[in-house]
């Protein structure tokens, strides 16, 4: 099995996508193939480049046993060649990434929304908790935890064929 690379993307790369990266990494580490999947995160904008994840997301993650860490960066066209799967945390970011992907060439990474993996079919987006209260960060983590098993299954199944 070859290494399968997954990139989580939100707008600023300080709330949802670093949470997706860190939570998914835990799922990968607890799987039967902990060395088969590589995980990263990025944002569609570069405003927060170099910043650590939002302290409220770090605190919410810590309460659940996750260490949400990293350094914000902006997604690059090269990411569509480096990664096998790019996951947009909402439809707005998916739209932005779709435009970038079209310039990346025929063998560009698969692009999906996070909620396309979610068992909660009434939710189309991972909501941005940045301007809300603490419950928004908890809701984001709930949604991420519910979708990670399906993303892992997809990554392992797709990686086996390589």
N, C-alpha and C. Protein backbone atom coordinates (compact mmCIF):
# COMPACT_ATOMS: atom_id res chain seq x y z
N UNK A 1 0.85 -1.17 0.00
CA UNK A 1 0.00 0.00 0.00
C UNK A 1 0.90 1.24 0.00
N UNK A 2 0.61 2.16 -0.89
CA UNK A 2 1.40 3.39 -0.93
C UNK A 2 0.82 4.42 0.05
N UNK A 3 1.60 5.44 0.30
CA UNK A 3 1.18 6.51 1.21
C UNK A 3 0.06 7.31 0.55
N UNK A 4 -1.03 7.51 1.28
CA UNK A 4 -2.18 8.27 0.80
C UNK A 4 -2.18 9.60 1.55
N UNK A 5 -2.30 10.71 0.84
CA UNK A 5 -2.19 12.04 1.44
C UNK A 5 -3.54 12.76 1.41
N UNK A 6 -3.94 13.27 2.60
CA UNK A 6 -5.22 13.97 2.76
C UNK A 6 -4.95 15.38 3.26
N UNK A 7 -5.61 16.37 2.64
CA UNK A 7 -5.49 17.78 3.03
C UNK A 7 -6.87 18.32 3.39
N UNK A 8 -7.00 18.86 4.60
CA UNK A 8 -8.23 19.51 5.04
C UNK A 8 -8.09 21.01 4.80
N UNK A 9 -9.15 21.65 4.26
CA UNK A 9 -9.07 23.07 3.93
C UNK A 9 -10.31 23.81 4.40
N UNK A 10 -10.08 24.89 5.15
CA UNK A 10 -11.14 25.84 5.49
C UNK A 10 -10.68 27.22 5.00
N UNK A 11 -11.27 28.28 5.48
CA UNK A 11 -10.90 29.59 4.97
C UNK A 11 -9.55 30.06 5.51
N UNK A 12 -9.39 30.11 6.83
CA UNK A 12 -8.18 30.70 7.40
C UNK A 12 -7.17 29.71 7.93
N UNK A 13 -7.53 28.44 8.03
CA UNK A 13 -6.66 27.38 8.55
C UNK A 13 -6.29 27.61 10.01
N UNK A 14 -7.28 28.11 10.80
CA UNK A 14 -7.04 28.26 12.24
C UNK A 14 -8.12 27.60 13.10
N UNK A 15 -9.21 27.15 12.51
CA UNK A 15 -10.27 26.51 13.30
C UNK A 15 -10.60 25.11 12.76
N UNK A 16 -11.38 25.08 11.69
CA UNK A 16 -11.93 23.81 11.22
C UNK A 16 -10.90 22.88 10.60
N UNK A 17 -10.07 23.40 9.70
CA UNK A 17 -9.13 22.49 9.02
C UNK A 17 -8.03 21.97 9.93
N UNK A 18 -7.45 22.77 10.86
CA UNK A 18 -6.49 22.15 11.76
C UNK A 18 -7.15 21.14 12.71
N UNK A 19 -8.42 21.39 13.05
CA UNK A 19 -9.14 20.41 13.87
C UNK A 19 -9.35 19.13 13.07
N UNK A 20 -9.74 19.27 11.80
CA UNK A 20 -9.90 18.10 10.95
C UNK A 20 -8.60 17.32 10.82
N UNK A 21 -7.51 18.05 10.61
CA UNK A 21 -6.20 17.41 10.49
C UNK A 21 -5.84 16.63 11.74
N UNK A 22 -5.96 17.26 12.89
CA UNK A 22 -5.52 16.62 14.15
C UNK A 22 -6.43 15.48 14.58
N UNK A 23 -7.73 15.66 14.44
CA UNK A 23 -8.66 14.59 14.80
C UNK A 23 -8.48 13.41 13.85
N UNK A 24 -8.40 13.68 12.55
CA UNK A 24 -8.22 12.60 11.59
C UNK A 24 -6.90 11.87 11.83
N UNK A 25 -5.85 12.61 12.17
CA UNK A 25 -4.56 11.97 12.45
C UNK A 25 -4.70 10.97 13.60
N UNK A 26 -5.50 11.29 14.60
CA UNK A 26 -5.75 10.36 15.71
C UNK A 26 -6.45 9.09 15.21
N UNK A 27 -7.43 9.27 14.33
CA UNK A 27 -8.12 8.11 13.76
C UNK A 27 -7.13 7.24 12.98
N UNK A 28 -6.26 7.88 12.21
CA UNK A 28 -5.26 7.14 11.43
C UNK A 28 -4.32 6.38 12.36
N UNK A 29 -3.84 7.04 13.42
CA UNK A 29 -2.90 6.41 14.35
C UNK A 29 -3.51 5.20 15.06
N UNK A 30 -4.82 5.23 15.27
CA UNK A 30 -5.49 4.12 15.94
C UNK A 30 -5.95 3.03 14.97
N UNK A 31 -5.72 3.25 13.67
CA UNK A 31 -6.15 2.27 12.67
C UNK A 31 -5.13 1.15 12.55
N UNK A 32 -5.46 0.17 11.73
CA UNK A 32 -4.54 -0.94 11.49
C UNK A 32 -3.44 -0.56 10.51
N UNK A 33 -3.52 0.64 9.93
CA UNK A 33 -2.51 1.10 8.96
C UNK A 33 -2.05 2.51 9.31
N UNK A 34 -1.46 2.69 10.49
CA UNK A 34 -1.12 4.04 10.94
C UNK A 34 -0.06 4.76 10.10
N UNK A 35 0.72 4.02 9.32
CA UNK A 35 1.75 4.65 8.50
C UNK A 35 1.35 4.81 7.05
N UNK A 36 0.09 4.56 6.73
CA UNK A 36 -0.32 4.57 5.33
C UNK A 36 -0.99 5.88 4.89
N UNK A 37 -1.28 6.77 5.85
CA UNK A 37 -1.97 8.01 5.52
C UNK A 37 -1.22 9.19 6.12
N UNK A 38 -1.00 10.20 5.30
CA UNK A 38 -0.37 11.46 5.74
C UNK A 38 -1.45 12.54 5.73
N UNK A 39 -1.41 13.45 6.70
CA UNK A 39 -2.47 14.44 6.86
C UNK A 39 -1.87 15.83 7.02
N UNK A 40 -2.54 16.84 6.45
CA UNK A 40 -2.13 18.23 6.58
C UNK A 40 -3.39 19.09 6.50
N UNK A 41 -3.22 20.39 6.67
CA UNK A 41 -4.33 21.32 6.52
C UNK A 41 -3.82 22.63 5.94
N UNK A 42 -4.77 23.40 5.37
CA UNK A 42 -4.44 24.69 4.76
C UNK A 42 -5.71 25.53 4.72
N UNK A 43 -5.55 26.79 4.32
CA UNK A 43 -6.69 27.69 4.18
C UNK A 43 -6.76 28.27 2.79
N UNK A 44 -7.94 28.71 2.38
CA UNK A 44 -8.08 29.31 1.06
C UNK A 44 -7.59 30.75 1.04
N UNK A 45 -7.42 31.36 2.21
CA UNK A 45 -6.85 32.70 2.29
C UNK A 45 -5.55 32.65 3.09
N UNK A 46 -4.69 33.63 2.89
CA UNK A 46 -3.40 33.65 3.56
C UNK A 46 -3.33 34.59 4.75
N UNK A 47 -4.48 35.14 5.17
CA UNK A 47 -4.49 36.15 6.24
C UNK A 47 -3.84 35.66 7.54
N UNK A 48 -4.04 34.42 7.91
CA UNK A 48 -3.54 33.90 9.18
C UNK A 48 -2.23 33.12 9.04
N UNK A 49 -1.58 33.18 7.88
CA UNK A 49 -0.36 32.40 7.63
C UNK A 49 0.63 32.53 8.78
N UNK A 50 1.08 31.38 9.28
CA UNK A 50 2.04 31.34 10.37
C UNK A 50 1.42 31.28 11.76
N UNK A 51 0.12 31.56 11.86
CA UNK A 51 -0.54 31.55 13.17
C UNK A 51 -0.87 30.14 13.62
N UNK A 52 -0.89 29.97 14.94
CA UNK A 52 -1.34 28.70 15.54
C UNK A 52 -2.86 28.62 15.43
N UNK A 53 -3.43 27.43 15.60
CA UNK A 53 -4.89 27.31 15.61
C UNK A 53 -5.52 28.19 16.71
N UNK A 54 -6.73 28.61 16.47
CA UNK A 54 -7.49 29.43 17.41
C UNK A 54 -7.47 28.79 18.80
N UNK A 55 -7.23 29.60 19.82
CA UNK A 55 -7.11 29.07 21.19
C UNK A 55 -8.40 28.39 21.66
N UNK A 56 -9.54 28.83 21.15
CA UNK A 56 -10.81 28.21 21.54
C UNK A 56 -10.93 26.80 20.94
N UNK A 57 -10.43 26.63 19.71
CA UNK A 57 -10.44 25.29 19.10
C UNK A 57 -9.44 24.40 19.82
N UNK A 58 -8.30 24.95 20.18
CA UNK A 58 -7.32 24.16 20.93
C UNK A 58 -7.91 23.69 22.26
N UNK A 59 -8.62 24.59 22.95
CA UNK A 59 -9.23 24.24 24.24
C UNK A 59 -10.32 23.18 24.08
N UNK A 60 -11.16 23.34 23.06
CA UNK A 60 -12.23 22.36 22.82
C UNK A 60 -11.62 21.00 22.49
N UNK A 61 -10.58 21.00 21.69
CA UNK A 61 -9.91 19.76 21.35
C UNK A 61 -9.27 19.11 22.56
N UNK A 62 -8.63 19.91 23.39
CA UNK A 62 -7.96 19.39 24.59
C UNK A 62 -8.95 18.69 25.51
N UNK A 63 -10.16 19.25 25.63
CA UNK A 63 -11.19 18.62 26.47
C UNK A 63 -11.55 17.23 25.98
N UNK A 64 -11.31 16.96 24.69
CA UNK A 64 -11.62 15.65 24.11
C UNK A 64 -10.37 14.80 23.92
N UNK A 65 -9.24 15.31 24.36
CA UNK A 65 -8.01 14.53 24.26
C UNK A 65 -7.21 14.73 22.98
N UNK A 66 -7.54 15.77 22.21
CA UNK A 66 -6.82 16.08 20.98
C UNK A 66 -5.88 17.26 21.20
N UNK A 67 -4.70 17.17 20.65
CA UNK A 67 -3.78 18.30 20.65
C UNK A 67 -3.88 18.95 19.27
N UNK A 68 -4.64 20.03 19.21
CA UNK A 68 -4.84 20.72 17.93
C UNK A 68 -3.75 21.76 17.80
N UNK A 69 -2.83 21.47 16.88
CA UNK A 69 -1.66 22.32 16.72
C UNK A 69 -1.40 22.53 15.23
N UNK A 70 -0.39 23.32 14.94
CA UNK A 70 -0.01 23.56 13.56
C UNK A 70 0.29 25.01 13.34
N UNK A 71 0.55 25.33 12.09
CA UNK A 71 0.87 26.68 11.67
C UNK A 71 0.10 26.94 10.37
N UNK A 72 -0.77 27.94 10.39
CA UNK A 72 -1.64 28.20 9.24
C UNK A 72 -0.83 28.48 7.99
N UNK A 73 -1.33 27.96 6.89
CA UNK A 73 -0.75 28.24 5.58
C UNK A 73 -1.87 28.30 4.56
N UNK A 74 -1.57 28.92 3.43
CA UNK A 74 -2.56 29.01 2.35
C UNK A 74 -2.36 27.86 1.38
N UNK A 75 -3.46 27.31 0.89
CA UNK A 75 -3.40 26.23 -0.09
C UNK A 75 -2.73 26.76 -1.36
N UNK A 76 -1.97 25.88 -2.01
CA UNK A 76 -1.26 26.23 -3.24
C UNK A 76 -1.69 25.28 -4.35
N UNK A 77 -1.53 25.71 -5.58
CA UNK A 77 -1.90 24.85 -6.70
C UNK A 77 -1.12 23.54 -6.65
N UNK A 78 0.10 23.56 -6.14
CA UNK A 78 0.91 22.35 -6.02
C UNK A 78 0.30 21.32 -5.08
N UNK A 79 -0.54 21.77 -4.16
CA UNK A 79 -1.21 20.84 -3.25
C UNK A 79 -2.08 19.85 -4.02
N UNK A 80 -2.56 20.25 -5.17
CA UNK A 80 -3.40 19.36 -5.97
C UNK A 80 -2.58 18.24 -6.63
N UNK A 81 -1.27 18.38 -6.62
CA UNK A 81 -0.38 17.32 -7.10
C UNK A 81 0.19 16.53 -5.92
N UNK A 82 0.39 17.17 -4.79
CA UNK A 82 0.99 16.51 -3.62
C UNK A 82 0.02 15.61 -2.87
N UNK A 83 -1.26 15.93 -2.90
CA UNK A 83 -2.26 15.21 -2.12
C UNK A 83 -3.15 14.37 -3.02
N UNK A 84 -3.69 13.30 -2.44
CA UNK A 84 -4.62 12.43 -3.16
C UNK A 84 -6.06 12.88 -2.98
N UNK A 85 -6.36 13.45 -1.81
CA UNK A 85 -7.71 13.87 -1.46
C UNK A 85 -7.63 15.21 -0.75
N UNK A 86 -8.38 16.18 -1.26
CA UNK A 86 -8.49 17.49 -0.62
C UNK A 86 -9.93 17.65 -0.17
N UNK A 87 -10.10 17.94 1.12
CA UNK A 87 -11.42 18.01 1.73
C UNK A 87 -11.72 19.44 2.14
N UNK A 88 -12.72 20.03 1.49
CA UNK A 88 -13.18 21.38 1.84
C UNK A 88 -14.16 21.28 3.00
N UNK A 89 -14.00 22.14 3.98
CA UNK A 89 -14.85 22.07 5.16
C UNK A 89 -16.25 22.65 4.93
N UNK A 90 -16.42 23.41 3.84
CA UNK A 90 -17.75 23.91 3.50
C UNK A 90 -17.84 24.14 1.99
N UNK A 91 -19.04 24.45 1.53
CA UNK A 91 -19.27 24.60 0.09
C UNK A 91 -18.61 25.85 -0.48
N UNK A 92 -18.48 26.93 0.30
CA UNK A 92 -17.79 28.12 -0.20
C UNK A 92 -16.32 27.81 -0.49
N UNK A 93 -15.66 27.12 0.43
CA UNK A 93 -14.27 26.75 0.21
C UNK A 93 -14.15 25.73 -0.91
N UNK A 94 -15.13 24.84 -1.03
CA UNK A 94 -15.14 23.89 -2.13
C UNK A 94 -15.16 24.64 -3.47
N UNK A 95 -15.98 25.68 -3.56
CA UNK A 95 -16.07 26.47 -4.78
C UNK A 95 -14.73 27.12 -5.11
N UNK A 96 -14.10 27.72 -4.10
CA UNK A 96 -12.78 28.34 -4.30
C UNK A 96 -11.75 27.30 -4.74
N UNK A 97 -11.78 26.13 -4.10
CA UNK A 97 -10.83 25.07 -4.43
C UNK A 97 -11.10 24.48 -5.81
N UNK A 98 -12.35 24.43 -6.23
CA UNK A 98 -12.69 23.91 -7.56
C UNK A 98 -12.05 24.75 -8.65
N UNK A 99 -12.06 26.06 -8.47
CA UNK A 99 -11.42 26.95 -9.45
C UNK A 99 -9.91 26.70 -9.49
N UNK A 100 -9.30 26.53 -8.34
CA UNK A 100 -7.87 26.26 -8.27
C UNK A 100 -7.55 24.90 -8.87
N UNK A 101 -8.39 23.92 -8.58
CA UNK A 101 -8.18 22.56 -9.08
C UNK A 101 -8.22 22.53 -10.61
N UNK A 102 -9.09 23.33 -11.21
CA UNK A 102 -9.20 23.32 -12.67
C UNK A 102 -7.90 23.75 -13.34
N UNK A 103 -7.07 24.51 -12.65
CA UNK A 103 -5.78 24.94 -13.19
C UNK A 103 -4.66 23.95 -12.86
N UNK A 104 -4.97 22.91 -12.09
CA UNK A 104 -3.94 21.99 -11.61
C UNK A 104 -3.65 20.83 -12.56
N UNK A 105 -4.46 20.66 -13.58
CA UNK A 105 -4.19 19.59 -14.53
C UNK A 105 -5.07 18.37 -14.34
N UNK A 106 -4.94 17.44 -15.26
CA UNK A 106 -5.80 16.25 -15.29
C UNK A 106 -5.63 15.33 -14.08
N UNK A 107 -4.43 15.21 -13.58
CA UNK A 107 -4.19 14.27 -12.48
C UNK A 107 -4.26 14.95 -11.11
N UNK A 108 -5.05 16.01 -11.02
CA UNK A 108 -5.21 16.73 -9.76
C UNK A 108 -5.93 15.87 -8.72
N UNK A 109 -5.71 16.19 -7.48
CA UNK A 109 -6.30 15.46 -6.36
C UNK A 109 -7.82 15.43 -6.45
N UNK A 110 -8.38 14.39 -5.86
CA UNK A 110 -9.83 14.32 -5.69
C UNK A 110 -10.24 15.42 -4.73
N UNK A 111 -11.32 16.13 -5.04
CA UNK A 111 -11.83 17.22 -4.20
C UNK A 111 -13.23 16.87 -3.74
N UNK A 112 -13.43 16.90 -2.41
CA UNK A 112 -14.74 16.58 -1.82
C UNK A 112 -15.02 17.54 -0.67
N UNK A 113 -16.29 17.68 -0.32
CA UNK A 113 -16.63 18.41 0.90
C UNK A 113 -16.55 17.43 2.07
N UNK A 114 -16.25 17.94 3.24
CA UNK A 114 -16.19 17.08 4.42
C UNK A 114 -17.53 16.37 4.62
N UNK A 115 -18.61 17.12 4.49
CA UNK A 115 -19.93 16.55 4.79
C UNK A 115 -20.37 15.49 3.79
N UNK A 116 -19.68 15.36 2.66
CA UNK A 116 -20.00 14.25 1.76
C UNK A 116 -19.60 12.92 2.40
N UNK A 117 -18.78 12.97 3.43
CA UNK A 117 -18.40 11.76 4.17
C UNK A 117 -19.21 11.58 5.45
N UNK A 118 -19.96 12.59 5.82
CA UNK A 118 -20.64 12.59 7.11
C UNK A 118 -21.90 11.73 7.11
N UNK A 119 -22.11 10.98 8.18
CA UNK A 119 -23.36 10.23 8.30
C UNK A 119 -24.55 11.15 8.62
N UNK A 120 -24.27 12.40 9.02
CA UNK A 120 -25.32 13.37 9.32
C UNK A 120 -25.72 14.06 8.03
N UNK A 121 -26.63 13.47 7.29
CA UNK A 121 -26.97 13.93 5.95
C UNK A 121 -27.74 15.25 5.93
N UNK A 122 -28.19 15.75 7.08
CA UNK A 122 -28.89 17.03 7.11
C UNK A 122 -27.92 18.21 7.20
N UNK A 123 -26.62 17.94 7.29
CA UNK A 123 -25.61 18.98 7.41
C UNK A 123 -24.78 19.01 6.13
N UNK A 124 -24.74 20.19 5.49
CA UNK A 124 -24.01 20.32 4.24
C UNK A 124 -22.62 20.94 4.43
N UNK A 125 -22.43 21.66 5.52
CA UNK A 125 -21.17 22.35 5.79
C UNK A 125 -20.73 22.15 7.23
N UNK A 126 -19.42 22.16 7.44
CA UNK A 126 -18.89 22.28 8.80
C UNK A 126 -18.93 23.78 9.10
N UNK A 127 -19.78 24.23 10.02
CA UNK A 127 -19.94 25.67 10.23
C UNK A 127 -18.69 26.32 10.81
N UNK A 128 -18.44 27.56 10.39
CA UNK A 128 -17.29 28.30 10.88
C UNK A 128 -17.60 28.82 12.28
N UNK A 129 -16.87 28.36 13.30
CA UNK A 129 -17.18 28.76 14.68
C UNK A 129 -16.51 30.07 15.11
N UNK A 130 -15.72 30.69 14.24
CA UNK A 130 -14.85 31.79 14.62
C UNK A 130 -15.57 32.94 15.33
N UNK A 131 -16.72 33.35 14.83
CA UNK A 131 -17.41 34.51 15.41
C UNK A 131 -18.48 34.14 16.42
N UNK A 132 -18.59 32.88 16.76
CA UNK A 132 -19.61 32.44 17.71
C UNK A 132 -19.02 32.10 19.07
N UNK A 133 -19.80 31.44 19.88
CA UNK A 133 -19.37 31.04 21.22
C UNK A 133 -18.74 29.65 21.21
N UNK A 134 -18.41 29.19 22.40
CA UNK A 134 -17.73 27.92 22.57
C UNK A 134 -18.49 26.72 22.04
N UNK A 135 -19.82 26.78 22.03
CA UNK A 135 -20.60 25.65 21.55
C UNK A 135 -20.36 25.39 20.06
N UNK A 136 -19.99 26.41 19.31
CA UNK A 136 -19.69 26.24 17.89
C UNK A 136 -18.47 25.36 17.68
N UNK A 137 -17.47 25.50 18.55
CA UNK A 137 -16.26 24.69 18.43
C UNK A 137 -16.56 23.23 18.78
N UNK A 138 -17.43 23.04 19.75
CA UNK A 138 -17.85 21.69 20.12
C UNK A 138 -18.62 21.03 18.98
N UNK A 139 -19.51 21.79 18.33
CA UNK A 139 -20.29 21.27 17.20
C UNK A 139 -19.37 20.86 16.05
N UNK A 140 -18.36 21.69 15.78
CA UNK A 140 -17.39 21.37 14.73
C UNK A 140 -16.70 20.04 15.05
N UNK A 141 -16.27 19.87 16.28
CA UNK A 141 -15.60 18.62 16.67
C UNK A 141 -16.55 17.43 16.58
N UNK A 142 -17.81 17.62 16.96
CA UNK A 142 -18.81 16.54 16.82
C UNK A 142 -18.90 16.09 15.37
N UNK A 143 -19.01 17.05 14.46
CA UNK A 143 -19.15 16.73 13.04
C UNK A 143 -17.88 16.06 12.50
N UNK A 144 -16.73 16.58 12.89
CA UNK A 144 -15.47 16.00 12.42
C UNK A 144 -15.32 14.57 12.92
N UNK A 145 -15.60 14.35 14.19
CA UNK A 145 -15.50 12.99 14.73
C UNK A 145 -16.44 12.03 14.01
N UNK A 146 -17.63 12.51 13.63
CA UNK A 146 -18.58 11.61 12.97
C UNK A 146 -18.18 11.28 11.53
N UNK A 147 -17.45 12.16 10.87
CA UNK A 147 -17.06 11.92 9.48
C UNK A 147 -15.72 11.24 9.29
N UNK A 148 -14.85 11.30 10.28
CA UNK A 148 -13.50 10.75 10.13
C UNK A 148 -13.45 9.24 9.83
N UNK A 149 -14.30 8.42 10.42
CA UNK A 149 -14.24 6.99 10.06
C UNK A 149 -14.48 6.73 8.57
N UNK A 150 -15.39 7.47 7.96
CA UNK A 150 -15.68 7.29 6.55
C UNK A 150 -14.52 7.80 5.68
N UNK A 151 -13.89 8.89 6.11
CA UNK A 151 -12.74 9.41 5.36
C UNK A 151 -11.59 8.41 5.44
N UNK A 152 -11.38 7.84 6.61
CA UNK A 152 -10.32 6.84 6.77
C UNK A 152 -10.60 5.62 5.89
N UNK A 153 -11.81 5.17 5.89
CA UNK A 153 -12.19 4.03 5.05
C UNK A 153 -11.92 4.33 3.58
N UNK A 154 -12.28 5.53 3.15
CA UNK A 154 -12.05 5.95 1.77
C UNK A 154 -10.57 6.00 1.45
N UNK A 155 -9.78 6.58 2.35
CA UNK A 155 -8.34 6.72 2.14
C UNK A 155 -7.66 5.36 2.05
N UNK A 156 -8.03 4.46 2.95
CA UNK A 156 -7.41 3.14 2.94
C UNK A 156 -7.82 2.33 1.72
N UNK A 157 -9.08 2.43 1.33
CA UNK A 157 -9.54 1.70 0.15
C UNK A 157 -8.90 2.24 -1.12
N UNK A 158 -8.78 3.58 -1.20
CA UNK A 158 -8.20 4.20 -2.38
C UNK A 158 -6.69 3.95 -2.45
N UNK A 159 -6.04 3.97 -1.29
CA UNK A 159 -4.60 3.76 -1.22
C UNK A 159 -4.17 2.34 -1.54
N UNK A 160 -5.04 1.37 -1.32
CA UNK A 160 -4.72 -0.04 -1.56
C UNK A 160 -4.49 -0.28 -3.04
N UNK A 161 -5.23 0.42 -3.88
CA UNK A 161 -5.14 0.20 -5.31
C UNK A 161 -3.89 0.79 -5.96
N UNK A 162 -3.14 1.60 -5.25
CA UNK A 162 -1.96 2.25 -5.83
C UNK A 162 -0.75 1.34 -5.86
